[in-house]
């Protein structure tokens, strides 16, 4: 089931936001624990990535997921609604004859 964690775009989004926040200077106070800063300690305690290089990997993964979703979505729409299968009703009567008929009906009614 660990594959579900790494396939989920939500995981990459959560990690990117958490890394962006907790690796900021305001979380850089030193600690007595195994990690050098408070931010890294919080990230490690919650099972999130603790290195800044993961931030860019997470952003790229989200971009890849959105690109893949859009391509599959467009493919599904193309398959479900083919361009050659139109259901529009096209009148055989020309526009000029419609205008003439409307003008004569209006003139007769007055």
N, C-alpha and C. Protein backbone atom coordinates (compact mmCIF):
# COMPACT_ATOMS: atom_id res chain seq x y z
N UNK A 1 0.81 -1.20 0.00
CA UNK A 1 0.00 0.00 0.00
C UNK A 1 0.86 1.27 0.00
N UNK A 2 2.15 1.14 0.16
CA UNK A 2 3.00 2.32 0.16
C UNK A 2 3.02 3.00 -1.20
N UNK A 3 2.73 2.25 -2.27
CA UNK A 3 2.69 2.84 -3.60
C UNK A 3 1.60 3.90 -3.69
N UNK A 4 0.50 3.72 -2.96
CA UNK A 4 -0.58 4.71 -2.96
C UNK A 4 -0.13 6.04 -2.41
N UNK A 5 0.78 6.01 -1.45
CA UNK A 5 1.33 7.23 -0.87
C UNK A 5 2.15 7.99 -1.91
N UNK A 6 2.99 7.28 -2.64
CA UNK A 6 3.87 7.94 -3.60
C UNK A 6 3.16 8.28 -4.91
N UNK A 7 2.02 7.69 -5.20
CA UNK A 7 1.27 8.00 -6.41
C UNK A 7 0.36 9.20 -6.19
N UNK A 8 -0.01 9.47 -4.96
CA UNK A 8 -0.98 10.51 -4.65
C UNK A 8 -0.42 11.92 -4.85
N UNK A 9 -1.09 12.75 -5.63
CA UNK A 9 -0.64 14.14 -5.78
C UNK A 9 -0.82 14.94 -4.48
N UNK A 10 -1.73 14.51 -3.64
CA UNK A 10 -1.94 15.19 -2.36
C UNK A 10 -0.69 15.11 -1.48
N UNK A 11 0.00 13.98 -1.52
CA UNK A 11 1.21 13.81 -0.72
C UNK A 11 2.27 14.81 -1.17
N UNK A 12 2.42 14.96 -2.48
CA UNK A 12 3.43 15.89 -2.99
C UNK A 12 3.07 17.33 -2.65
N UNK A 13 1.80 17.67 -2.73
CA UNK A 13 1.36 19.01 -2.38
C UNK A 13 1.58 19.30 -0.91
N UNK A 14 1.23 18.35 -0.05
CA UNK A 14 1.41 18.53 1.39
C UNK A 14 2.89 18.68 1.74
N UNK A 15 3.72 17.84 1.17
CA UNK A 15 5.16 17.93 1.43
C UNK A 15 5.75 19.24 0.93
N UNK A 16 5.32 19.70 -0.24
CA UNK A 16 5.86 20.95 -0.78
C UNK A 16 5.49 22.12 0.11
N UNK A 17 4.24 22.16 0.58
CA UNK A 17 3.81 23.26 1.45
C UNK A 17 4.53 23.19 2.79
N UNK A 18 4.64 21.99 3.36
CA UNK A 18 5.29 21.84 4.67
C UNK A 18 6.78 22.18 4.59
N UNK A 19 7.46 21.73 3.57
CA UNK A 19 8.88 22.03 3.42
C UNK A 19 9.09 23.53 3.23
N UNK A 20 8.23 24.15 2.42
CA UNK A 20 8.33 25.58 2.19
C UNK A 20 8.16 26.36 3.50
N UNK A 21 7.26 25.92 4.35
CA UNK A 21 7.02 26.62 5.61
C UNK A 21 8.09 26.32 6.65
N UNK A 22 8.35 25.06 6.93
CA UNK A 22 9.19 24.71 8.07
C UNK A 22 10.69 24.81 7.82
N UNK A 23 11.11 25.02 6.60
CA UNK A 23 12.53 25.27 6.35
C UNK A 23 12.81 26.76 6.24
N UNK A 24 11.84 27.59 6.56
CA UNK A 24 12.02 29.04 6.56
C UNK A 24 12.88 29.46 7.75
N UNK A 25 13.41 30.68 7.71
CA UNK A 25 14.29 31.17 8.77
C UNK A 25 13.61 31.26 10.14
N UNK A 26 12.31 31.49 10.16
CA UNK A 26 11.64 31.63 11.45
C UNK A 26 11.56 30.31 12.23
N UNK A 27 11.81 29.18 11.56
CA UNK A 27 11.82 27.87 12.21
C UNK A 27 13.24 27.35 12.38
N UNK A 28 14.23 28.20 12.29
CA UNK A 28 15.63 27.76 12.31
C UNK A 28 16.28 27.84 13.70
N UNK A 29 15.47 27.90 14.74
CA UNK A 29 16.04 27.91 16.09
C UNK A 29 16.69 26.56 16.38
N UNK A 30 17.84 26.54 17.03
CA UNK A 30 18.51 25.26 17.30
C UNK A 30 17.75 24.44 18.35
N UNK A 31 17.89 23.12 18.24
CA UNK A 31 17.25 22.21 19.20
C UNK A 31 18.30 21.31 19.82
N UNK A 32 17.88 20.58 20.85
CA UNK A 32 18.77 19.61 21.50
C UNK A 32 18.59 18.20 20.94
N UNK A 33 17.65 18.04 19.99
CA UNK A 33 17.35 16.72 19.44
C UNK A 33 18.30 16.30 18.35
N UNK A 34 17.87 15.32 17.59
CA UNK A 34 18.72 14.77 16.53
C UNK A 34 18.79 15.71 15.32
N UNK A 35 17.78 16.54 15.10
CA UNK A 35 17.79 17.48 13.98
C UNK A 35 18.32 18.84 14.45
N UNK A 36 18.97 19.58 13.56
CA UNK A 36 19.60 20.84 13.98
C UNK A 36 18.62 21.99 14.23
N UNK A 37 17.43 21.98 13.61
CA UNK A 37 16.49 23.09 13.77
C UNK A 37 15.11 22.60 14.18
N UNK A 38 14.29 23.53 14.67
CA UNK A 38 12.92 23.20 15.07
C UNK A 38 12.10 22.76 13.86
N UNK A 39 12.27 23.46 12.73
CA UNK A 39 11.53 23.12 11.52
C UNK A 39 11.80 21.70 11.04
N UNK A 40 13.07 21.33 11.01
CA UNK A 40 13.41 19.97 10.57
C UNK A 40 12.92 18.92 11.57
N UNK A 41 12.91 19.26 12.85
CA UNK A 41 12.38 18.34 13.86
C UNK A 41 10.89 18.10 13.65
N UNK A 42 10.15 19.18 13.38
CA UNK A 42 8.72 19.04 13.13
C UNK A 42 8.43 18.23 11.87
N UNK A 43 9.19 18.47 10.82
CA UNK A 43 9.01 17.71 9.59
C UNK A 43 9.29 16.23 9.81
N UNK A 44 10.38 15.92 10.51
CA UNK A 44 10.75 14.53 10.75
C UNK A 44 9.73 13.84 11.64
N UNK A 45 9.23 14.53 12.67
CA UNK A 45 8.25 13.93 13.57
C UNK A 45 6.94 13.59 12.87
N UNK A 46 6.62 14.30 11.83
CA UNK A 46 5.37 14.06 11.11
C UNK A 46 5.56 13.20 9.87
N UNK A 47 6.76 12.71 9.67
CA UNK A 47 7.02 11.79 8.55
C UNK A 47 7.12 12.46 7.20
N UNK A 48 7.43 13.74 7.18
CA UNK A 48 7.57 14.47 5.92
C UNK A 48 9.04 14.57 5.54
N UNK A 49 9.29 14.97 4.30
CA UNK A 49 10.67 15.13 3.84
C UNK A 49 11.32 16.28 4.57
N UNK A 50 12.62 16.17 4.82
CA UNK A 50 13.33 17.21 5.58
C UNK A 50 14.39 17.94 4.79
N UNK A 51 14.58 17.61 3.53
CA UNK A 51 15.59 18.30 2.73
C UNK A 51 14.91 19.21 1.71
N UNK A 52 15.56 20.30 1.40
CA UNK A 52 14.97 21.29 0.50
C UNK A 52 14.89 20.79 -0.93
N UNK A 53 15.72 19.83 -1.31
CA UNK A 53 15.66 19.33 -2.67
C UNK A 53 14.33 18.65 -2.97
N UNK A 54 13.67 18.12 -1.96
CA UNK A 54 12.36 17.50 -2.16
C UNK A 54 11.30 18.52 -2.52
N UNK A 55 11.49 19.76 -2.13
CA UNK A 55 10.53 20.82 -2.46
C UNK A 55 10.34 20.91 -3.97
N UNK A 56 11.44 20.94 -4.71
CA UNK A 56 11.35 21.05 -6.15
C UNK A 56 10.85 19.76 -6.79
N UNK A 57 11.20 18.64 -6.22
CA UNK A 57 10.69 17.37 -6.74
C UNK A 57 9.18 17.31 -6.56
N UNK A 58 8.70 17.78 -5.42
CA UNK A 58 7.25 17.80 -5.16
C UNK A 58 6.54 18.72 -6.14
N UNK A 59 7.11 19.89 -6.40
CA UNK A 59 6.50 20.84 -7.34
C UNK A 59 6.45 20.24 -8.74
N UNK A 60 7.53 19.61 -9.16
CA UNK A 60 7.57 19.00 -10.49
C UNK A 60 6.59 17.83 -10.59
N UNK A 61 6.45 17.05 -9.51
CA UNK A 61 5.49 15.95 -9.51
C UNK A 61 4.07 16.47 -9.64
N UNK A 62 3.75 17.55 -8.95
CA UNK A 62 2.42 18.14 -9.08
C UNK A 62 2.18 18.64 -10.50
N UNK A 63 3.18 19.25 -11.10
CA UNK A 63 3.06 19.70 -12.48
C UNK A 63 2.84 18.50 -13.41
N UNK A 64 3.58 17.43 -13.18
CA UNK A 64 3.43 16.23 -13.99
C UNK A 64 2.05 15.60 -13.84
N UNK A 65 1.54 15.56 -12.60
CA UNK A 65 0.20 15.00 -12.38
C UNK A 65 -0.86 15.85 -13.07
N UNK A 66 -0.73 17.16 -12.99
CA UNK A 66 -1.73 18.02 -13.63
C UNK A 66 -1.66 17.90 -15.14
N UNK A 67 -0.48 17.79 -15.69
CA UNK A 67 -0.33 17.61 -17.14
C UNK A 67 -0.94 16.28 -17.58
N UNK A 68 -0.64 15.23 -16.84
CA UNK A 68 -1.19 13.91 -17.16
C UNK A 68 -2.72 13.93 -17.06
N UNK A 69 -3.25 14.55 -16.01
CA UNK A 69 -4.70 14.63 -15.85
C UNK A 69 -5.34 15.37 -17.02
N UNK A 70 -4.76 16.49 -17.42
CA UNK A 70 -5.33 17.26 -18.53
C UNK A 70 -5.29 16.50 -19.84
N UNK A 71 -4.21 15.80 -20.10
CA UNK A 71 -4.11 15.01 -21.33
C UNK A 71 -5.15 13.90 -21.33
N UNK A 72 -5.29 13.19 -20.22
CA UNK A 72 -6.28 12.12 -20.14
C UNK A 72 -7.71 12.67 -20.21
N UNK A 73 -7.94 13.82 -19.61
CA UNK A 73 -9.26 14.45 -19.64
C UNK A 73 -9.64 14.84 -21.07
N UNK A 74 -8.71 15.44 -21.80
CA UNK A 74 -8.97 15.82 -23.18
C UNK A 74 -9.20 14.58 -24.04
N UNK A 75 -8.42 13.54 -23.78
CA UNK A 75 -8.62 12.28 -24.52
C UNK A 75 -10.00 11.68 -24.25
N UNK A 76 -10.44 11.72 -23.02
CA UNK A 76 -11.76 11.18 -22.69
C UNK A 76 -12.86 12.00 -23.34
N UNK A 77 -12.72 13.31 -23.33
CA UNK A 77 -13.73 14.15 -23.97
C UNK A 77 -13.76 13.93 -25.48
N UNK A 78 -12.63 13.73 -26.07
CA UNK A 78 -12.57 13.48 -27.50
C UNK A 78 -13.22 12.14 -27.83
N UNK A 79 -12.97 11.15 -27.01
CA UNK A 79 -13.54 9.82 -27.25
C UNK A 79 -15.05 9.82 -27.02
N UNK A 80 -15.51 10.52 -26.00
CA UNK A 80 -16.93 10.50 -25.67
C UNK A 80 -17.77 11.40 -26.57
N UNK A 81 -17.17 12.42 -27.17
CA UNK A 81 -17.91 13.34 -28.02
C UNK A 81 -17.13 13.57 -29.31
N UNK A 82 -17.17 12.61 -30.25
CA UNK A 82 -16.39 12.77 -31.47
C UNK A 82 -16.90 13.96 -32.29
N UNK A 83 -15.98 14.60 -32.98
CA UNK A 83 -16.32 15.79 -33.75
C UNK A 83 -17.26 15.50 -34.92
N UNK A 84 -17.21 14.33 -35.51
CA UNK A 84 -18.02 14.00 -36.67
C UNK A 84 -19.46 13.65 -36.34
N UNK A 85 -19.81 13.53 -35.09
CA UNK A 85 -21.15 13.09 -34.69
C UNK A 85 -21.96 14.28 -34.18
N UNK A 86 -22.31 15.20 -35.09
CA UNK A 86 -23.08 16.37 -34.71
C UNK A 86 -24.56 16.06 -34.74
N UNK A 87 -25.30 16.66 -33.83
CA UNK A 87 -26.73 16.43 -33.77
C UNK A 87 -27.48 17.75 -33.97
N UNK A 88 -26.88 18.69 -34.65
CA UNK A 88 -27.51 19.98 -34.91
C UNK A 88 -28.51 19.84 -36.04
N UNK A 89 -29.60 20.60 -35.96
CA UNK A 89 -30.62 20.60 -37.01
C UNK A 89 -30.32 21.76 -37.94
N UNK A 90 -30.16 21.45 -39.21
CA UNK A 90 -29.86 22.46 -40.21
C UNK A 90 -31.08 22.60 -41.10
N UNK A 91 -31.60 23.81 -41.18
CA UNK A 91 -32.79 24.07 -41.97
C UNK A 91 -32.43 24.11 -43.45
N UNK A 92 -33.35 23.62 -44.30
CA UNK A 92 -33.14 23.67 -45.74
C UNK A 92 -33.51 25.03 -46.32
N UNK A 93 -34.28 25.80 -45.56
CA UNK A 93 -34.74 27.09 -46.03
C UNK A 93 -33.63 28.12 -45.88
N UNK A 94 -33.44 28.97 -46.86
CA UNK A 94 -32.37 29.97 -46.81
C UNK A 94 -32.79 31.15 -45.93
N UNK A 95 -31.84 31.94 -45.53
CA UNK A 95 -32.11 33.10 -44.67
C UNK A 95 -32.94 34.16 -45.39
N UNK A 96 -32.69 34.33 -46.70
CA UNK A 96 -33.43 35.35 -47.46
C UNK A 96 -34.91 35.01 -47.52
N UNK A 97 -35.23 33.75 -47.75
CA UNK A 97 -36.65 33.38 -47.84
C UNK A 97 -37.32 33.50 -46.48
N UNK A 98 -36.60 33.28 -45.40
CA UNK A 98 -37.16 33.46 -44.06
C UNK A 98 -37.50 34.93 -43.82
N UNK A 99 -36.59 35.83 -44.22
CA UNK A 99 -36.81 37.26 -44.03
C UNK A 99 -38.00 37.74 -44.85
N UNK A 100 -38.09 37.27 -46.11
CA UNK A 100 -39.20 37.67 -46.97
C UNK A 100 -40.53 37.20 -46.41
N UNK A 101 -40.57 35.97 -45.91
CA UNK A 101 -41.80 35.42 -45.36
C UNK A 101 -42.20 36.19 -44.11
N UNK A 102 -41.23 36.58 -43.29
CA UNK A 102 -41.53 37.32 -42.07
C UNK A 102 -42.02 38.73 -42.40
N UNK A 103 -41.41 39.36 -43.41
CA UNK A 103 -41.83 40.70 -43.81
C UNK A 103 -43.25 40.68 -44.37
N UNK A 104 -43.55 39.70 -45.21
CA UNK A 104 -44.90 39.62 -45.80
C UNK A 104 -45.94 39.28 -44.74
N UNK A 105 -45.60 38.44 -43.78
CA UNK A 105 -46.57 38.11 -42.73
C UNK A 105 -46.83 39.30 -41.84
N UNK A 106 -45.80 40.13 -41.59
CA UNK A 106 -45.96 41.34 -40.78
C UNK A 106 -46.78 42.38 -41.53
N UNK A 107 -46.55 42.52 -42.83
CA UNK A 107 -47.26 43.50 -43.64
C UNK A 107 -48.74 43.10 -43.77
N UNK A 108 -49.07 41.86 -43.88
CA UNK A 108 -50.44 41.40 -44.01
C UNK A 108 -51.20 41.53 -42.70
N UNK A 109 -50.50 41.40 -41.60
CA UNK A 109 -51.14 41.46 -40.30
C UNK A 109 -51.46 42.88 -39.86
N UNK A 110 -50.88 43.92 -40.50
CA UNK A 110 -51.09 45.31 -40.10
C UNK A 110 -52.27 45.89 -40.78
